[in-house]
Amino acid sequence: MRKAPKGSGPHPTDARVNRIIAMVRAKVEHPFRVIKRRFGYMKTRYRGLAKNRAQLFTLFALGNLFLVRRGLMA
């Protein structure tokens, strides 16, 4: 994010860039929020790379379904 100069508001171009960055960041960070808060996945116990990868792929698939659940039920 671009910061405003001290004592004044952000330049209109900087505000526009910040908005674009925030929109992209929200799309990227929402699945992580679902996995951490809804599914309680905070730490990974090492059980081998293949098993951990499979668990994360499953969690992200379920997280994506959770995010679009209203559209699927309509």
Protein backbone atom coordinates (compact mmCIF):
# COMPACT_ATOMS: atom_id res chain seq x y z
CA MET A 1 0.00 0.00 0.00
CA ARG A 2 1.14 3.52 -0.72
CA LYS A 3 1.30 5.86 2.23
CA ALA A 4 0.19 9.48 2.23
CA PRO A 5 2.68 12.24 2.99
CA LYS A 6 2.72 13.37 6.59
CA GLY A 7 0.00 15.94 7.32
CA SER A 8 -2.08 15.44 4.17
CA GLY A 9 -4.27 12.92 2.45
CA PRO A 10 -3.13 10.50 -0.24
CA HIS A 11 -2.70 11.62 -3.82
CA PRO A 12 -5.68 10.52 -5.97
CA THR A 13 -3.42 8.23 -8.00
CA ASP A 14 -2.10 6.61 -4.83
CA ALA A 15 -5.65 6.15 -3.53
CA ARG A 16 -6.61 4.41 -6.79
CA VAL A 17 -3.56 2.14 -6.64
CA ASN A 18 -4.29 1.31 -2.98
CA ARG A 19 -7.83 0.33 -3.90
CA ILE A 20 -6.62 -2.05 -6.63
CA ILE A 21 -4.07 -3.60 -4.26
CA ALA A 22 -6.74 -4.03 -1.57
CA MET A 23 -9.12 -5.74 -4.00
CA VAL A 24 -6.46 -8.26 -5.06
CA ARG A 25 -5.34 -8.83 -1.47
CA ALA A 26 -8.91 -9.51 -0.33
CA LYS A 27 -9.38 -12.19 -3.00
CA VAL A 28 -6.12 -13.87 -1.99
CA GLU A 29 -6.55 -13.67 1.78
CA HIS A 30 -10.20 -14.76 2.14
CA PRO A 31 -9.53 -18.48 1.52
CA PHE A 32 -6.81 -18.42 4.18
CA ARG A 33 -9.24 -16.81 6.64
CA VAL A 34 -11.82 -19.54 5.98
CA ILE A 35 -9.30 -22.31 6.49
CA LYS A 36 -7.92 -20.81 9.70
CA ARG A 37 -11.16 -19.62 11.32
CA ARG A 38 -13.82 -22.03 10.05
CA PHE A 39 -11.76 -25.20 9.87
CA GLY A 40 -9.38 -24.40 12.75
CA TYR A 41 -6.25 -25.08 10.74
CA MET A 42 -3.53 -23.13 12.56
CA LYS A 43 -0.46 -25.38 12.60
CA THR A 44 0.76 -28.18 10.39
CA ARG A 45 2.00 -31.39 11.95
CA TYR A 46 4.64 -32.93 9.71
CA ARG A 47 3.37 -36.25 8.37
CA GLY A 48 5.23 -36.25 5.12
CA LEU A 49 5.06 -33.84 2.24
CA ALA A 50 2.51 -35.85 0.27
CA LYS A 51 0.05 -36.16 3.17
CA ASN A 52 0.39 -32.52 4.18
CA ARG A 53 -0.05 -31.41 0.57
CA ALA A 54 -3.14 -33.57 0.18
CA GLN A 55 -4.64 -32.17 3.38
CA LEU A 56 -4.03 -28.58 2.28
CA PHE A 57 -5.45 -29.19 -1.20
CA THR A 58 -8.56 -30.69 0.40
CA LEU A 59 -8.90 -27.77 2.83
CA PHE A 60 -8.56 -25.21 0.05
CA ALA A 61 -11.11 -27.06 -2.09
CA LEU A 62 -13.55 -27.07 0.84
CA GLY A 63 -12.73 -23.43 1.53
CA ASN A 64 -13.56 -22.49 -2.06
CA LEU A 65 -16.86 -24.36 -1.80
CA PHE A 66 -17.57 -22.55 1.46
CA LEU A 67 -16.96 -19.16 -0.19
CA VAL A 68 -19.37 -19.89 -3.08
CA ARG A 69 -21.97 -21.82 -1.04
CA ARG A 70 -24.75 -19.26 -1.58
CA GLY A 71 -24.30 -19.35 -5.33
CA LEU A 72 -24.39 -23.15 -5.35
CA MET A 73 -27.60 -23.33 -3.31
CA ALA A 74 -29.50 -20.86 -5.48
